[in-house]
Amino acid sequence: MAALIRRASGNVQSEMRSGEREFWAKHDSTGFIDWDAAQPRKFTQLKPTLRTISLRLPVSMIEDLKILANKRDVPY
């Protein structure tokens, strides 16, 4: 990973520490990262975020959705 990051000047490094989000909003990463040497990675430990929502739907549509979910073995 360290080989991917090109050497940045001290001013750039201090700016990154103080406000990294603002820095990358204003700068292009191609000057700092060698994307040709990058390799794809899989983050197997990450789990999708689930959030419960409430919807008002017609009863007939809910019944149809329950049938579809059951066919696909998905909880509803």
C-alpha atoms as a PDB file:
ATOM      1  CA  MET A   1       0.000   0.000   0.000  1.00  0.00           C
ATOM      2  CA  ALA A   2       2.814   2.387   0.832  1.00  0.00           C
ATOM      3  CA  ALA A   3       4.198   1.888  -2.680  1.00  0.00           C
ATOM      4  CA  LEU A   4       0.924   3.134  -4.131  1.00  0.00           C
ATOM      5  CA  ILE A   5       1.087   6.497  -2.380  1.00  0.00           C
ATOM      6  CA  ARG A   6       3.439   8.975  -3.966  1.00  0.00           C
ATOM      7  CA  ARG A   7       5.473  11.340  -1.827  1.00  0.00           C
ATOM      8  CA  ALA A   8       3.546  14.520  -1.047  1.00  0.00           C
ATOM      9  CA  SER A   9       5.001  17.786   0.177  1.00  0.00           C
ATOM     10  CA  GLY A  10       4.801  18.651   3.892  1.00  0.00           C
ATOM     11  CA  ASN A  11       2.213  21.344   3.227  1.00  0.00           C
ATOM     12  CA  VAL A  12      -0.064  18.840   1.503  1.00  0.00           C
ATOM     13  CA  GLN A  13       0.385  16.299   4.311  1.00  0.00           C
ATOM     14  CA  SER A  14      -0.533  18.823   7.021  1.00  0.00           C
ATOM     15  CA  GLU A  15      -3.564  19.931   5.003  1.00  0.00           C
ATOM     16  CA  MET A  16      -4.652  16.292   4.722  1.00  0.00           C
ATOM     17  CA  ARG A  17      -4.407  15.816   8.492  1.00  0.00           C
ATOM     18  CA  SER A  18      -6.433  18.931   9.319  1.00  0.00           C
ATOM     19  CA  GLY A  19      -9.222  18.386   6.834  1.00  0.00           C
ATOM     20  CA  GLU A  20      -8.833  15.285   4.709  1.00  0.00           C
ATOM     21  CA  ARG A  21     -12.399  15.377   3.442  1.00  0.00           C
ATOM     22  CA  GLU A  22     -12.084  18.955   2.227  1.00  0.00           C
ATOM     23  CA  PHE A  23      -8.674  18.196   0.740  1.00  0.00           C
ATOM     24  CA  TRP A  24      -9.945  15.326  -1.429  1.00  0.00           C
ATOM     25  CA  ALA A  25     -12.992  17.363  -2.436  1.00  0.00           C
ATOM     26  CA  LYS A  26     -10.604  19.930  -3.965  1.00  0.00           C
ATOM     27  CA  HIS A  27      -7.809  17.665  -5.291  1.00  0.00           C
ATOM     28  CA  ASP A  28      -7.486  14.815  -7.759  1.00  0.00           C
ATOM     29  CA  SER A  29      -6.077  11.551  -6.359  1.00  0.00           C
ATOM     30  CA  THR A  30      -4.116  10.716  -9.527  1.00  0.00           C
ATOM     31  CA  GLY A  31      -1.295  13.006  -8.392  1.00  0.00           C
ATOM     32  CA  PHE A  32      -0.914  11.088  -5.133  1.00  0.00           C
ATOM     33  CA  ILE A  33      -1.871   7.469  -5.841  1.00  0.00           C
ATOM     34  CA  ASP A  34      -0.490   5.220  -8.564  1.00  0.00           C
ATOM     35  CA  TRP A  35      -3.762   3.627  -9.685  1.00  0.00           C
ATOM     36  CA  ASP A  36      -1.943   1.412 -12.228  1.00  0.00           C
ATOM     37  CA  ALA A  37      -0.338  -0.497  -9.331  1.00  0.00           C
ATOM     38  CA  ALA A  38      -3.641  -0.830  -7.444  1.00  0.00           C
ATOM     39  CA  GLN A  39      -5.249  -4.245  -7.053  1.00  0.00           C
ATOM     40  CA  PRO A  40      -8.933  -5.002  -6.480  1.00  0.00           C
ATOM     41  CA  ARG A  41      -9.793  -6.079  -2.936  1.00  0.00           C
ATOM     42  CA  LYS A  42     -12.817  -7.688  -1.333  1.00  0.00           C
ATOM     43  CA  PHE A  43     -13.932  -6.567   2.115  1.00  0.00           C
ATOM     44  CA  THR A  44     -15.421  -9.819   3.373  1.00  0.00           C
ATOM     45  CA  GLN A  45     -15.921  -8.611   6.953  1.00  0.00           C
ATOM     46  CA  LEU A  46     -18.267  -5.767   5.951  1.00  0.00           C
ATOM     47  CA  LYS A  47     -21.948  -6.326   6.469  1.00  0.00           C
ATOM     48  CA  PRO A  48     -24.668  -4.320   4.734  1.00  0.00           C
ATOM     49  CA  THR A  49     -26.462  -1.778   6.857  1.00  0.00           C
ATOM     50  CA  LEU A  50     -30.090  -2.649   7.456  1.00  0.00           C
ATOM     51  CA  ARG A  51     -32.725  -0.110   8.341  1.00  0.00           C
ATOM     52  CA  THR A  52     -36.366  -0.750   9.128  1.00  0.00           C
ATOM     53  CA  ILE A  53     -38.838   1.441   7.281  1.00  0.00           C
ATOM     54  CA  SER A  54     -42.585   1.773   7.468  1.00  0.00           C
ATOM     55  CA  LEU A  55     -44.669   1.945   4.292  1.00  0.00           C
ATOM     56  CA  ARG A  56     -48.371   2.341   3.802  1.00  0.00           C
ATOM     57  CA  LEU A  57     -49.429   0.029   0.979  1.00  0.00           C
ATOM     58  CA  PRO A  58     -52.729  -1.445  -0.114  1.00  0.00           C
ATOM     59  CA  VAL A  59     -53.447  -4.807   1.528  1.00  0.00           C
ATOM     60  CA  SER A  60     -53.537  -6.567  -1.841  1.00  0.00           C
ATOM     61  CA  MET A  61     -50.053  -5.304  -2.699  1.00  0.00           C
ATOM     62  CA  ILE A  62     -48.721  -6.451   0.684  1.00  0.00           C
ATOM     63  CA  GLU A  63     -50.137  -9.932   0.092  1.00  0.00           C
ATOM     64  CA  ASP A  64     -48.518 -10.048  -3.364  1.00  0.00           C
ATOM     65  CA  LEU A  65     -45.187  -8.950  -1.868  1.00  0.00           C
ATOM     66  CA  LYS A  66     -45.402 -11.640   0.805  1.00  0.00           C
ATOM     67  CA  ILE A  67     -45.963 -14.285  -1.870  1.00  0.00           C
ATOM     68  CA  LEU A  68     -43.007 -13.018  -3.930  1.00  0.00           C
ATOM     69  CA  ALA A  69     -40.772 -12.855  -0.845  1.00  0.00           C
ATOM     70  CA  ASN A  70     -41.740 -16.411   0.104  1.00  0.00           C
ATOM     71  CA  LYS A  71     -40.894 -17.654  -3.418  1.00  0.00           C
ATOM     72  CA  ARG A  72     -37.469 -16.005  -3.197  1.00  0.00           C
ATOM     73  CA  ASP A  73     -36.906 -17.110   0.406  1.00  0.00           C
ATOM     74  CA  VAL A  74     -36.614 -13.510   1.576  1.00  0.00           C
ATOM     75  CA  PRO A  75     -38.023 -12.373   4.936  1.00  0.00           C
ATOM     76  CA  TYR A  76     -40.728  -9.758   4.729  1.00  0.00           C
END
